[in-house]
């Protein structure tokens, strides 16, 4: 039991992932978090930003171009898998009972974004924890045109990667002392994540009551 808990603690510790797992761990986690419904709890935004910081300070031994290419590829391919699973297994996913790794409220809160922003949700969702995971799945469920999905998928992945990894790299290279404040960066992103999740949950509940 303790080993399982330690494993989950490792998955949620971006700094530890980057230091010990390197580029392979970063790529794998971004892939899972971007479209596999059980990966919604994994770190996304702050993993990208910190990987950029660590790359800029040379604590992550990888060229920035390779890091960005791996993150971009993982985000696009992860979302593609989510789209395919939603398109072909949508009914099964929607009818799943709530569990630790799946909440119907996540689907409903994501649907609200689609109702408001349409296909642009795939770009906006890149910066929204949980919604980022379920947006491609819902795209598949509603049978969004594949080519249209891929355009917004690639665009969203590129903007997300350039903004967070590129921003982190800039700060790491220009202000290397920032690595001493990693925990504050994580707290900031966790606060944003918590706010987004709670707001999405409340909006989903409100929408269900109105229906």
N, C-alpha and C. Protein backbone atom coordinates (compact mmCIF):
# COMPACT_ATOMS: atom_id res chain seq x y z
N UNK A 1 0.83 -1.21 0.00
CA UNK A 1 0.00 0.00 0.00
C UNK A 1 0.87 1.26 0.00
N UNK A 2 1.93 1.24 0.81
CA UNK A 2 2.81 2.39 0.89
C UNK A 2 3.51 2.64 -0.45
N UNK A 3 3.87 1.55 -1.15
CA UNK A 3 4.54 1.71 -2.43
C UNK A 3 3.62 2.35 -3.46
N UNK A 4 2.32 2.02 -3.40
CA UNK A 4 1.35 2.62 -4.32
C UNK A 4 1.21 4.11 -4.03
N UNK A 5 1.14 4.45 -2.74
CA UNK A 5 1.03 5.85 -2.36
C UNK A 5 2.27 6.64 -2.77
N UNK A 6 3.43 6.03 -2.61
CA UNK A 6 4.67 6.67 -3.02
C UNK A 6 4.69 6.91 -4.53
N UNK A 7 4.15 5.95 -5.28
CA UNK A 7 4.10 6.08 -6.74
C UNK A 7 3.22 7.26 -7.15
N UNK A 8 2.05 7.40 -6.52
CA UNK A 8 1.15 8.51 -6.83
C UNK A 8 1.76 9.84 -6.40
N UNK A 9 2.44 9.84 -5.27
CA UNK A 9 3.12 11.06 -4.83
C UNK A 9 4.18 11.47 -5.83
N UNK A 10 4.86 10.48 -6.40
CA UNK A 10 5.88 10.75 -7.42
C UNK A 10 5.25 11.37 -8.65
N UNK A 11 4.10 10.81 -9.09
CA UNK A 11 3.41 11.31 -10.28
C UNK A 11 2.96 12.76 -10.11
N UNK A 12 2.68 13.16 -8.88
CA UNK A 12 2.18 14.50 -8.63
C UNK A 12 3.31 15.49 -8.32
N UNK A 13 4.54 15.00 -8.26
CA UNK A 13 5.68 15.84 -7.92
C UNK A 13 6.45 16.18 -9.20
N UNK A 14 6.15 17.33 -9.78
CA UNK A 14 6.76 17.71 -11.06
C UNK A 14 8.28 17.81 -10.97
N UNK A 15 8.76 18.39 -9.88
CA UNK A 15 10.20 18.56 -9.72
C UNK A 15 10.90 17.21 -9.70
N UNK A 16 10.34 16.25 -8.98
CA UNK A 16 10.93 14.92 -8.89
C UNK A 16 10.87 14.20 -10.25
N UNK A 17 9.77 14.37 -10.96
CA UNK A 17 9.61 13.76 -12.29
C UNK A 17 10.72 14.24 -13.22
N UNK A 18 10.93 15.55 -13.23
CA UNK A 18 11.92 16.14 -14.13
C UNK A 18 13.33 15.70 -13.75
N UNK A 19 13.62 15.71 -12.44
CA UNK A 19 14.98 15.38 -11.99
C UNK A 19 15.33 13.91 -12.21
N UNK A 20 14.36 13.01 -11.98
CA UNK A 20 14.67 11.58 -12.05
C UNK A 20 14.22 10.92 -13.35
N UNK A 21 13.09 11.36 -13.87
CA UNK A 21 12.57 10.72 -15.09
C UNK A 21 13.02 11.36 -16.37
N UNK A 22 13.39 12.64 -16.28
CA UNK A 22 13.87 13.35 -17.45
C UNK A 22 12.85 13.48 -18.56
N UNK A 23 13.35 13.57 -19.77
CA UNK A 23 12.52 13.83 -20.95
C UNK A 23 11.49 12.72 -21.20
N UNK A 24 11.87 11.48 -20.93
CA UNK A 24 10.96 10.35 -21.17
C UNK A 24 9.73 10.44 -20.27
N UNK A 25 9.95 10.70 -18.98
CA UNK A 25 8.84 10.81 -18.03
C UNK A 25 7.94 11.99 -18.36
N UNK A 26 8.54 13.12 -18.71
CA UNK A 26 7.76 14.32 -19.08
C UNK A 26 6.86 14.01 -20.27
N UNK A 27 7.44 13.41 -21.30
CA UNK A 27 6.69 13.09 -22.52
C UNK A 27 5.54 12.13 -22.23
N UNK A 28 5.80 11.10 -21.46
CA UNK A 28 4.78 10.09 -21.16
C UNK A 28 3.63 10.69 -20.36
N UNK A 29 3.93 11.50 -19.37
CA UNK A 29 2.89 12.08 -18.53
C UNK A 29 2.04 13.07 -19.32
N UNK A 30 2.66 13.87 -20.17
CA UNK A 30 1.90 14.81 -21.01
C UNK A 30 0.99 14.04 -21.96
N UNK A 31 1.47 12.95 -22.51
CA UNK A 31 0.65 12.12 -23.40
C UNK A 31 -0.59 11.60 -22.68
N UNK A 32 -0.39 11.05 -21.49
CA UNK A 32 -1.51 10.48 -20.74
C UNK A 32 -2.49 11.56 -20.29
N UNK A 33 -1.95 12.69 -19.84
CA UNK A 33 -2.80 13.74 -19.28
C UNK A 33 -3.65 14.45 -20.33
N UNK A 34 -3.26 14.33 -21.59
CA UNK A 34 -3.94 15.07 -22.65
C UNK A 34 -5.03 14.31 -23.39
N UNK A 35 -5.55 13.23 -22.82
CA UNK A 35 -6.63 12.57 -23.52
C UNK A 35 -7.07 11.24 -22.95
N UNK A 36 -6.35 10.69 -22.00
CA UNK A 36 -6.77 9.45 -21.36
C UNK A 36 -7.49 9.82 -20.07
N UNK A 37 -8.77 9.47 -19.96
CA UNK A 37 -9.63 10.00 -18.89
C UNK A 37 -9.07 9.79 -17.49
N UNK A 38 -8.29 8.73 -17.28
CA UNK A 38 -7.76 8.47 -15.94
C UNK A 38 -6.52 9.31 -15.63
N UNK A 39 -6.09 10.15 -16.59
CA UNK A 39 -4.89 10.95 -16.37
C UNK A 39 -5.16 12.40 -16.03
N UNK A 40 -6.44 12.72 -15.75
CA UNK A 40 -6.80 14.12 -15.52
C UNK A 40 -6.11 14.72 -14.29
N UNK A 41 -5.71 13.89 -13.34
CA UNK A 41 -5.12 14.39 -12.09
C UNK A 41 -3.62 14.68 -12.23
N UNK A 42 -3.02 14.27 -13.33
CA UNK A 42 -1.57 14.43 -13.50
C UNK A 42 -1.21 15.90 -13.71
N UNK A 43 0.01 16.29 -13.32
CA UNK A 43 0.43 17.69 -13.51
C UNK A 43 0.64 17.97 -14.99
N UNK A 44 0.14 19.09 -15.46
CA UNK A 44 0.31 19.44 -16.86
C UNK A 44 0.99 20.78 -17.00
N UNK A 45 0.27 21.84 -16.62
CA UNK A 45 0.79 23.20 -16.80
C UNK A 45 2.12 23.41 -16.08
N UNK A 46 2.16 23.08 -14.78
CA UNK A 46 3.39 23.38 -14.06
C UNK A 46 4.50 22.40 -14.39
N UNK A 47 4.16 21.21 -14.89
CA UNK A 47 5.20 20.30 -15.37
C UNK A 47 5.89 20.90 -16.60
N UNK A 48 5.09 21.48 -17.49
CA UNK A 48 5.65 22.12 -18.68
C UNK A 48 6.51 23.32 -18.30
N UNK A 49 5.97 24.17 -17.44
CA UNK A 49 6.71 25.39 -17.07
C UNK A 49 8.01 25.03 -16.37
N UNK A 50 7.94 24.09 -15.43
CA UNK A 50 9.15 23.71 -14.69
C UNK A 50 10.16 22.99 -15.58
N UNK A 51 9.68 22.21 -16.53
CA UNK A 51 10.61 21.55 -17.46
C UNK A 51 11.36 22.60 -18.27
N UNK A 52 10.66 23.68 -18.64
CA UNK A 52 11.33 24.78 -19.34
C UNK A 52 12.34 25.47 -18.45
N UNK A 53 11.97 25.69 -17.18
CA UNK A 53 12.89 26.31 -16.22
C UNK A 53 14.14 25.45 -16.03
N UNK A 54 13.93 24.15 -15.83
CA UNK A 54 15.06 23.24 -15.61
C UNK A 54 15.93 23.12 -16.85
N UNK A 55 15.31 23.22 -18.01
CA UNK A 55 16.08 23.18 -19.26
C UNK A 55 16.92 24.46 -19.38
N UNK A 56 16.33 25.60 -19.02
CA UNK A 56 17.04 26.87 -19.09
C UNK A 56 18.20 26.96 -18.13
N UNK A 57 18.09 26.28 -16.97
CA UNK A 57 19.16 26.30 -15.98
C UNK A 57 20.12 25.11 -16.14
N UNK A 58 19.88 24.30 -17.18
CA UNK A 58 20.72 23.13 -17.51
C UNK A 58 20.59 21.98 -16.51
N UNK A 59 19.59 22.06 -15.62
CA UNK A 59 19.35 20.94 -14.72
C UNK A 59 18.67 19.78 -15.45
N UNK A 60 17.98 20.11 -16.54
CA UNK A 60 17.44 19.08 -17.43
C UNK A 60 18.35 19.05 -18.65
N UNK A 61 19.03 17.93 -18.82
CA UNK A 61 20.04 17.82 -19.87
C UNK A 61 19.38 17.46 -21.21
N UNK A 62 18.77 18.46 -21.82
CA UNK A 62 18.12 18.26 -23.12
C UNK A 62 18.03 19.60 -23.83
N UNK A 63 18.21 19.63 -25.14
CA UNK A 63 18.05 20.89 -25.88
C UNK A 63 16.60 21.37 -25.80
N UNK A 64 16.40 22.66 -25.75
CA UNK A 64 15.05 23.21 -25.64
C UNK A 64 14.20 22.81 -26.85
N UNK A 65 14.82 22.72 -28.02
CA UNK A 65 14.08 22.34 -29.23
C UNK A 65 13.54 20.91 -29.11
N UNK A 66 14.35 20.00 -28.56
CA UNK A 66 13.92 18.62 -28.39
C UNK A 66 12.82 18.53 -27.34
N UNK A 67 12.98 19.27 -26.25
CA UNK A 67 11.97 19.28 -25.19
C UNK A 67 10.62 19.75 -25.74
N UNK A 68 10.63 20.85 -26.48
CA UNK A 68 9.39 21.40 -27.02
C UNK A 68 8.77 20.47 -28.04
N UNK A 69 9.61 19.82 -28.84
CA UNK A 69 9.11 18.89 -29.84
C UNK A 69 8.44 17.69 -29.17
N UNK A 70 9.05 17.16 -28.11
CA UNK A 70 8.49 16.02 -27.39
C UNK A 70 7.18 16.38 -26.71
N UNK A 71 7.13 17.55 -26.06
CA UNK A 71 5.91 17.99 -25.38
C UNK A 71 4.80 18.22 -26.39
N UNK A 72 5.11 18.90 -27.48
CA UNK A 72 4.12 19.16 -28.53
C UNK A 72 3.59 17.86 -29.11
N UNK A 73 4.49 16.94 -29.46
CA UNK A 73 4.07 15.66 -30.02
C UNK A 73 3.22 14.85 -29.06
N UNK A 74 3.62 14.84 -27.78
CA UNK A 74 2.88 14.08 -26.77
C UNK A 74 1.49 14.66 -26.56
N UNK A 75 1.38 15.99 -26.55
CA UNK A 75 0.07 16.63 -26.34
C UNK A 75 -0.87 16.38 -27.50
N UNK A 76 -0.35 16.46 -28.71
CA UNK A 76 -1.19 16.24 -29.91
C UNK A 76 -1.60 14.78 -30.02
N UNK A 77 -0.66 13.86 -29.83
CA UNK A 77 -0.97 12.43 -29.93
C UNK A 77 -1.88 11.98 -28.79
N UNK A 78 -1.66 12.52 -27.59
CA UNK A 78 -2.52 12.18 -26.46
C UNK A 78 -3.95 12.60 -26.72
N UNK A 79 -4.14 13.82 -27.23
CA UNK A 79 -5.48 14.31 -27.55
C UNK A 79 -6.11 13.49 -28.68
N UNK A 80 -5.29 13.07 -29.62
CA UNK A 80 -5.81 12.24 -30.72
C UNK A 80 -6.34 10.91 -30.20
N UNK A 81 -5.63 10.32 -29.27
CA UNK A 81 -6.10 9.07 -28.65
C UNK A 81 -7.40 9.32 -27.90
N UNK A 82 -7.49 10.48 -27.21
CA UNK A 82 -8.72 10.83 -26.52
C UNK A 82 -9.89 10.98 -27.49
N UNK A 83 -9.64 11.61 -28.62
CA UNK A 83 -10.68 11.80 -29.64
C UNK A 83 -11.16 10.45 -30.17
N UNK A 84 -10.23 9.57 -30.48
CA UNK A 84 -10.58 8.26 -31.02
C UNK A 84 -11.36 7.44 -29.99
N UNK A 85 -10.94 7.49 -28.73
CA UNK A 85 -11.65 6.74 -27.69
C UNK A 85 -13.06 7.29 -27.50
N UNK A 86 -13.22 8.63 -27.59
CA UNK A 86 -14.55 9.22 -27.47
C UNK A 86 -15.44 8.89 -28.65
N UNK A 87 -14.86 8.84 -29.82
CA UNK A 87 -15.63 8.58 -31.05
C UNK A 87 -16.13 7.15 -31.10
N UNK A 88 -15.31 6.20 -30.67
CA UNK A 88 -15.67 4.80 -30.80
C UNK A 88 -16.14 4.14 -29.50
N UNK A 89 -15.83 4.76 -28.38
CA UNK A 89 -16.24 4.18 -27.10
C UNK A 89 -16.97 5.20 -26.24
N UNK A 90 -17.56 6.22 -26.89
CA UNK A 90 -18.20 7.31 -26.18
C UNK A 90 -19.30 6.88 -25.23
N UNK A 91 -20.19 6.01 -25.70
CA UNK A 91 -21.30 5.57 -24.85
C UNK A 91 -20.79 4.85 -23.61
N UNK A 92 -19.79 4.02 -23.81
CA UNK A 92 -19.23 3.27 -22.68
C UNK A 92 -18.58 4.21 -21.67
N UNK A 93 -17.90 5.24 -22.18
CA UNK A 93 -17.24 6.19 -21.29
C UNK A 93 -18.27 7.00 -20.50
N UNK A 94 -19.31 7.50 -21.20
CA UNK A 94 -20.33 8.32 -20.54
C UNK A 94 -21.15 7.54 -19.51
N UNK A 95 -21.27 6.24 -19.73
CA UNK A 95 -22.08 5.41 -18.83
C UNK A 95 -21.26 4.79 -17.70
N UNK A 96 -19.98 5.14 -17.64
CA UNK A 96 -19.15 4.62 -16.55
C UNK A 96 -19.64 5.18 -15.22
N UNK A 97 -19.63 4.38 -14.18
CA UNK A 97 -19.97 4.90 -12.85
C UNK A 97 -18.84 5.79 -12.33
N UNK A 98 -19.17 6.73 -11.49
CA UNK A 98 -18.15 7.60 -10.90
C UNK A 98 -17.16 6.78 -10.09
N UNK A 99 -15.90 7.18 -10.19
CA UNK A 99 -14.85 6.49 -9.44
C UNK A 99 -13.75 7.49 -9.15
N UNK A 100 -12.67 7.01 -8.56
CA UNK A 100 -11.54 7.88 -8.24
C UNK A 100 -10.96 8.51 -9.50
N UNK A 101 -10.99 7.76 -10.62
CA UNK A 101 -10.36 8.22 -11.85
C UNK A 101 -11.35 8.71 -12.89
N UNK A 102 -12.64 8.76 -12.55
CA UNK A 102 -13.62 9.25 -13.52
C UNK A 102 -14.81 9.86 -12.79
N UNK A 103 -15.19 11.06 -13.23
CA UNK A 103 -16.37 11.74 -12.71
C UNK A 103 -17.21 12.24 -13.90
N UNK A 104 -18.49 11.95 -13.87
CA UNK A 104 -19.36 12.42 -14.94
C UNK A 104 -19.41 13.94 -14.98
N UNK A 105 -19.18 14.56 -13.83
CA UNK A 105 -19.19 16.02 -13.76
C UNK A 105 -18.09 16.62 -14.64
N UNK A 106 -16.98 15.86 -14.85
CA UNK A 106 -15.90 16.35 -15.70
C UNK A 106 -16.39 16.46 -17.15
N UNK A 107 -17.16 15.48 -17.59
CA UNK A 107 -17.73 15.51 -18.94
C UNK A 107 -18.69 16.69 -19.07
N UNK A 108 -19.53 16.88 -18.06
CA UNK A 108 -20.54 17.94 -18.11
C UNK A 108 -19.91 19.32 -18.09
N UNK A 109 -18.90 19.51 -17.26
CA UNK A 109 -18.24 20.82 -17.21
C UNK A 109 -17.53 21.11 -18.53
N UNK A 110 -16.95 20.08 -19.14
CA UNK A 110 -16.30 20.25 -20.44
C UNK A 110 -17.33 20.58 -21.51
N UNK A 111 -18.50 19.96 -21.44
CA UNK A 111 -19.57 20.23 -22.41
C UNK A 111 -20.00 21.70 -22.36
N UNK A 112 -19.96 22.28 -21.16
CA UNK A 112 -20.32 23.69 -21.01
C UNK A 112 -19.36 24.58 -21.82
N UNK A 113 -18.09 24.23 -21.79
CA UNK A 113 -17.12 25.01 -22.56
C UNK A 113 -17.37 24.87 -24.06
N UNK A 114 -17.73 23.67 -24.50
CA UNK A 114 -18.03 23.47 -25.91
C UNK A 114 -19.27 24.26 -26.32
N UNK A 115 -20.26 24.30 -25.45
CA UNK A 115 -21.48 25.07 -25.74
C UNK A 115 -21.16 26.55 -25.89
N UNK A 116 -20.17 27.02 -25.13
CA UNK A 116 -19.84 28.44 -25.13
C UNK A 116 -18.83 28.81 -26.21
N UNK A 117 -17.80 27.98 -26.41
CA UNK A 117 -16.70 28.35 -27.30
C UNK A 117 -16.61 27.50 -28.56
N UNK A 118 -17.39 26.42 -28.66
CA UNK A 118 -17.33 25.57 -29.84
C UNK A 118 -15.98 24.88 -29.99
N UNK A 119 -15.51 24.79 -31.22
CA UNK A 119 -14.24 24.10 -31.50
C UNK A 119 -13.04 24.78 -30.87
N UNK A 120 -13.15 26.08 -30.60
CA UNK A 120 -12.05 26.80 -29.97
C UNK A 120 -11.74 26.27 -28.57
N UNK A 121 -12.67 25.49 -28.02
CA UNK A 121 -12.46 24.88 -26.70
C UNK A 121 -11.18 24.06 -26.70
N UNK A 122 -10.85 23.44 -27.83
CA UNK A 122 -9.66 22.59 -27.91
C UNK A 122 -8.37 23.40 -27.72
N UNK A 123 -8.44 24.70 -28.03
CA UNK A 123 -7.29 25.57 -27.79
C UNK A 123 -7.32 26.10 -26.36
N UNK A 124 -8.49 26.60 -25.95
CA UNK A 124 -8.65 27.16 -24.61
C UNK A 124 -8.40 26.10 -23.54
N UNK A 125 -8.88 24.87 -23.81
CA UNK A 125 -8.79 23.79 -22.82
C UNK A 125 -7.36 23.41 -22.48
N UNK A 126 -6.42 23.71 -23.36
CA UNK A 126 -5.02 23.38 -23.06
C UNK A 126 -4.56 24.03 -21.77
N UNK A 127 -5.17 25.15 -21.42
CA UNK A 127 -4.76 25.87 -20.21
C UNK A 127 -5.73 25.65 -19.06
N UNK A 128 -6.63 24.67 -19.22
CA UNK A 128 -7.62 24.39 -18.18
C UNK A 128 -7.48 22.94 -17.70
N UNK A 129 -6.95 22.73 -16.50
CA UNK A 129 -6.82 21.37 -15.97
C UNK A 129 -8.15 20.64 -16.00
N UNK A 130 -8.14 19.35 -16.16
CA UNK A 130 -9.30 18.47 -16.26
C UNK A 130 -10.01 18.65 -17.59
N UNK A 131 -10.41 19.89 -17.92
CA UNK A 131 -11.04 20.15 -19.22
C UNK A 131 -10.09 19.76 -20.34
N UNK A 132 -8.79 19.99 -20.14
CA UNK A 132 -7.78 19.62 -21.11
C UNK A 132 -7.83 18.12 -21.43
N UNK A 133 -8.11 17.31 -20.43
CA UNK A 133 -8.15 15.86 -20.61
C UNK A 133 -9.43 15.43 -21.32
N UNK A 134 -10.55 16.05 -20.95
CA UNK A 134 -11.84 15.57 -21.45
C UNK A 134 -12.30 16.25 -22.73
N UNK A 135 -11.71 17.37 -23.11
CA UNK A 135 -12.12 18.06 -24.34
C UNK A 135 -11.96 17.19 -25.59
N UNK A 136 -10.82 16.55 -25.80
CA UNK A 136 -10.70 15.69 -26.99
C UNK A 136 -11.64 14.48 -26.95
N UNK A 137 -11.87 13.95 -25.75
CA UNK A 137 -12.79 12.82 -25.61
C UNK A 137 -14.20 13.24 -26.01
N UNK A 138 -14.63 14.41 -25.54
CA UNK A 138 -15.96 14.91 -25.88
C UNK A 138 -16.04 15.25 -27.36
N UNK A 139 -14.93 15.71 -27.94
CA UNK A 139 -14.91 15.98 -29.39
C UNK A 139 -15.23 14.71 -30.16
N UNK A 140 -14.69 13.61 -29.70
CA UNK A 140 -14.98 12.33 -30.34
C UNK A 140 -16.40 11.88 -30.11
N UNK A 141 -16.91 12.10 -28.90
CA UNK A 141 -18.28 11.70 -28.57
C UNK A 141 -19.29 12.41 -29.45
N UNK A 142 -19.08 13.71 -29.70
CA UNK A 142 -20.03 14.48 -30.53
C UNK A 142 -19.71 14.36 -32.02
N UNK A 143 -18.73 13.50 -32.35
CA UNK A 143 -18.37 13.24 -33.75
C UNK A 143 -17.91 14.50 -34.49
N UNK A 144 -17.06 15.29 -33.84
CA UNK A 144 -16.49 16.45 -34.52
C UNK A 144 -15.72 16.01 -35.75
N UNK A 145 -15.79 16.78 -36.81
CA UNK A 145 -15.05 16.46 -38.03
C UNK A 145 -13.57 16.27 -37.71
N UNK A 146 -12.99 15.18 -38.19
CA UNK A 146 -11.62 14.82 -37.82
C UNK A 146 -10.61 15.90 -38.21
N UNK A 147 -10.73 16.43 -39.42
CA UNK A 147 -9.75 17.42 -39.88
C UNK A 147 -9.87 18.72 -39.09
N UNK A 148 -11.10 19.09 -38.76
CA UNK A 148 -11.33 20.27 -37.93
C UNK A 148 -10.73 20.04 -36.54
N UNK A 149 -10.93 18.85 -36.00
CA UNK A 149 -10.36 18.51 -34.70
C UNK A 149 -8.84 18.63 -34.73
N UNK A 150 -8.21 18.08 -35.76
CA UNK A 150 -6.76 18.09 -35.82
C UNK A 150 -6.19 19.49 -35.97
N UNK A 151 -6.89 20.37 -36.69
CA UNK A 151 -6.42 21.75 -36.83
C UNK A 151 -6.35 22.42 -35.46
N UNK A 152 -7.44 22.31 -34.69
CA UNK A 152 -7.47 22.95 -33.38
C UNK A 152 -6.60 22.20 -32.38
N UNK A 153 -6.46 20.89 -32.55
CA UNK A 153 -5.59 20.09 -31.70
C UNK A 153 -4.14 20.53 -31.84
N UNK A 154 -3.69 20.64 -33.08
CA UNK A 154 -2.30 21.05 -33.35
C UNK A 154 -2.07 22.49 -32.91
N UNK A 155 -3.04 23.37 -33.21
CA UNK A 155 -2.91 24.77 -32.83
C UNK A 155 -2.84 24.92 -31.31
N UNK A 156 -3.73 24.24 -30.60
CA UNK A 156 -3.73 24.29 -29.15
C UNK A 156 -2.45 23.75 -28.55
N UNK A 157 -1.99 22.62 -29.08
CA UNK A 157 -0.75 22.02 -28.58
C UNK A 157 0.45 22.92 -28.78
N UNK A 158 0.50 23.61 -29.93
CA UNK A 158 1.62 24.51 -30.22
C UNK A 158 1.62 25.71 -29.29
N UNK A 159 0.46 26.33 -29.11
CA UNK A 159 0.37 27.51 -28.24
C UNK A 159 0.69 27.14 -26.80
N UNK A 160 0.17 26.01 -26.34
CA UNK A 160 0.40 25.54 -24.98
C UNK A 160 1.88 25.30 -24.73
N UNK A 161 2.53 24.62 -25.68
CA UNK A 161 3.95 24.28 -25.55
C UNK A 161 4.83 25.52 -25.57
N UNK A 162 4.60 26.39 -26.56
CA UNK A 162 5.43 27.59 -26.70
C UNK A 162 5.27 28.51 -25.49
N UNK A 163 4.02 28.66 -25.03
CA UNK A 163 3.77 29.57 -23.91
C UNK A 163 4.41 29.09 -22.61
N UNK A 164 4.15 27.82 -22.23
CA UNK A 164 4.60 27.34 -20.93
C UNK A 164 6.05 26.84 -20.94
N UNK A 165 6.40 26.00 -21.91
CA UNK A 165 7.79 25.52 -21.96
C UNK A 165 8.73 26.66 -22.34
N UNK A 166 8.31 27.42 -23.36
CA UNK A 166 9.13 28.56 -23.79
C UNK A 166 9.26 29.61 -22.70
N UNK A 167 8.15 29.89 -22.00
CA UNK A 167 8.19 30.86 -20.90
C UNK A 167 9.07 30.39 -19.76
N UNK A 168 8.95 29.11 -19.42
CA UNK A 168 9.79 28.55 -18.37
C UNK A 168 11.26 28.59 -18.72
N UNK A 169 11.58 28.28 -19.98
CA UNK A 169 12.97 28.31 -20.44
C UNK A 169 13.54 29.72 -20.36
N UNK A 170 12.74 30.71 -20.75
CA UNK A 170 13.20 32.11 -20.70
C UNK A 170 13.55 32.50 -19.26
N UNK A 171 12.65 32.19 -18.32
CA UNK A 171 12.90 32.54 -16.92
C UNK A 171 14.08 31.77 -16.36
N UNK A 172 14.19 30.49 -16.74
CA UNK A 172 15.30 29.68 -16.23
C UNK A 172 16.64 30.16 -16.74
N UNK A 173 16.68 30.60 -18.00
CA UNK A 173 17.93 31.06 -18.60
C UNK A 173 18.31 32.46 -18.11
N UNK A 174 17.31 33.35 -18.00
CA UNK A 174 17.58 34.74 -17.60
C UNK A 174 17.68 34.90 -16.08
N UNK A 175 16.93 34.11 -15.35
CA UNK A 175 16.89 34.23 -13.90
C UNK A 175 17.09 32.85 -13.26
N UNK A 176 18.31 32.30 -13.34
CA UNK A 176 18.56 30.93 -12.85
C UNK A 176 18.23 30.72 -11.38
N UNK A 177 18.21 31.80 -10.58
CA UNK A 177 17.87 31.68 -9.16
C UNK A 177 16.43 31.26 -8.95
N UNK A 178 15.64 31.26 -10.02
CA UNK A 178 14.22 30.90 -9.90
C UNK A 178 14.04 29.45 -9.42
N UNK A 179 15.05 28.60 -9.63
CA UNK A 179 14.94 27.21 -9.20
C UNK A 179 14.84 27.10 -7.68
N UNK A 180 15.24 28.15 -6.98
CA UNK A 180 15.12 28.15 -5.52
C UNK A 180 13.69 28.42 -5.06
N UNK A 181 12.83 28.76 -6.00
CA UNK A 181 11.43 29.09 -5.68
C UNK A 181 10.46 28.17 -6.40
N UNK A 182 10.93 26.95 -6.71
CA UNK A 182 10.11 25.99 -7.43
C UNK A 182 8.79 25.71 -6.70
N UNK A 183 8.87 25.58 -5.38
CA UNK A 183 7.68 25.23 -4.61
C UNK A 183 6.61 26.33 -4.70
N UNK A 184 7.05 27.58 -4.79
CA UNK A 184 6.08 28.67 -4.95
C UNK A 184 5.41 28.62 -6.32
N UNK A 185 6.17 28.23 -7.32
CA UNK A 185 5.61 28.08 -8.67
C UNK A 185 4.56 26.99 -8.67
N UNK A 186 4.87 25.86 -8.02
CA UNK A 186 3.93 24.75 -7.96
C UNK A 186 2.66 25.16 -7.21
N UNK A 187 2.83 25.88 -6.10
CA UNK A 187 1.67 26.34 -5.33
C UNK A 187 0.78 27.24 -6.18
N UNK A 188 1.40 28.12 -6.96
CA UNK A 188 0.63 29.02 -7.83
C UNK A 188 -0.20 28.22 -8.83
N UNK A 189 0.43 27.27 -9.51
CA UNK A 189 -0.29 26.47 -10.51
C UNK A 189 -1.35 25.58 -9.86
N UNK A 190 -1.04 25.07 -8.67
CA UNK A 190 -2.03 24.26 -7.95
C UNK A 190 -3.25 25.09 -7.56
N UNK A 191 -3.02 26.34 -7.20
CA UNK A 191 -4.13 27.22 -6.85
C UNK A 191 -5.02 27.46 -8.07
N UNK A 192 -4.39 27.68 -9.22
CA UNK A 192 -5.15 27.86 -10.46
C UNK A 192 -5.92 26.59 -10.81
N UNK A 193 -5.25 25.45 -10.65
CA UNK A 193 -5.89 24.17 -10.94
C UNK A 193 -7.10 23.94 -10.03
N UNK A 194 -6.92 24.17 -8.74
CA UNK A 194 -8.01 23.96 -7.79
C UNK A 194 -9.19 24.87 -8.11
N UNK A 195 -8.91 26.12 -8.41
CA UNK A 195 -9.97 27.07 -8.75
C UNK A 195 -10.74 26.60 -9.99
N UNK A 196 -10.00 26.14 -11.01
CA UNK A 196 -10.62 25.70 -12.25
C UNK A 196 -11.50 24.48 -12.03
N UNK A 197 -10.98 23.51 -11.26
CA UNK A 197 -11.73 22.28 -11.01
C UNK A 197 -13.00 22.57 -10.22
N UNK A 198 -12.87 23.36 -9.16
CA UNK A 198 -14.04 23.69 -8.32
C UNK A 198 -15.07 24.47 -9.12
N UNK A 199 -14.62 25.45 -9.90
CA UNK A 199 -15.54 26.25 -10.71
C UNK A 199 -16.25 25.37 -11.74
N UNK A 200 -15.50 24.47 -12.39
CA UNK A 200 -16.11 23.57 -13.36
C UNK A 200 -17.13 22.65 -12.73
N UNK A 201 -16.82 22.16 -11.54
CA UNK A 201 -17.75 21.27 -10.83
C UNK A 201 -19.04 22.01 -10.48
N UNK A 202 -18.90 23.23 -9.97
CA UNK A 202 -20.08 24.01 -9.59
C UNK A 202 -20.93 24.37 -10.82
N UNK A 203 -20.25 24.71 -11.93
CA UNK A 203 -20.98 25.02 -13.16
C UNK A 203 -21.72 23.80 -13.68
N UNK A 204 -21.08 22.62 -13.57
CA UNK A 204 -21.73 21.38 -14.01
C UNK A 204 -22.95 21.07 -13.18
N UNK A 205 -22.84 21.25 -11.88
CA UNK A 205 -23.98 20.99 -10.98
C UNK A 205 -25.12 21.97 -11.27
N UNK A 206 -24.76 23.22 -11.50
CA UNK A 206 -25.77 24.23 -11.83
C UNK A 206 -26.48 23.90 -13.12
N UNK A 207 -25.69 23.44 -14.12
CA UNK A 207 -26.27 23.08 -15.41
C UNK A 207 -27.20 21.89 -15.30
N UNK A 208 -26.83 20.91 -14.48
CA UNK A 208 -27.68 19.72 -14.30
C UNK A 208 -28.98 20.09 -13.61
N UNK A 209 -28.94 21.03 -12.65
CA UNK A 209 -30.16 21.44 -11.96
C UNK A 209 -31.09 22.19 -12.90
N UNK A 210 -30.50 23.01 -13.80
CA UNK A 210 -31.30 23.77 -14.75
C UNK A 210 -31.98 22.87 -15.76
N UNK A 211 -31.28 21.76 -16.12
CA UNK A 211 -31.86 20.80 -17.07
C UNK A 211 -32.99 20.02 -16.41
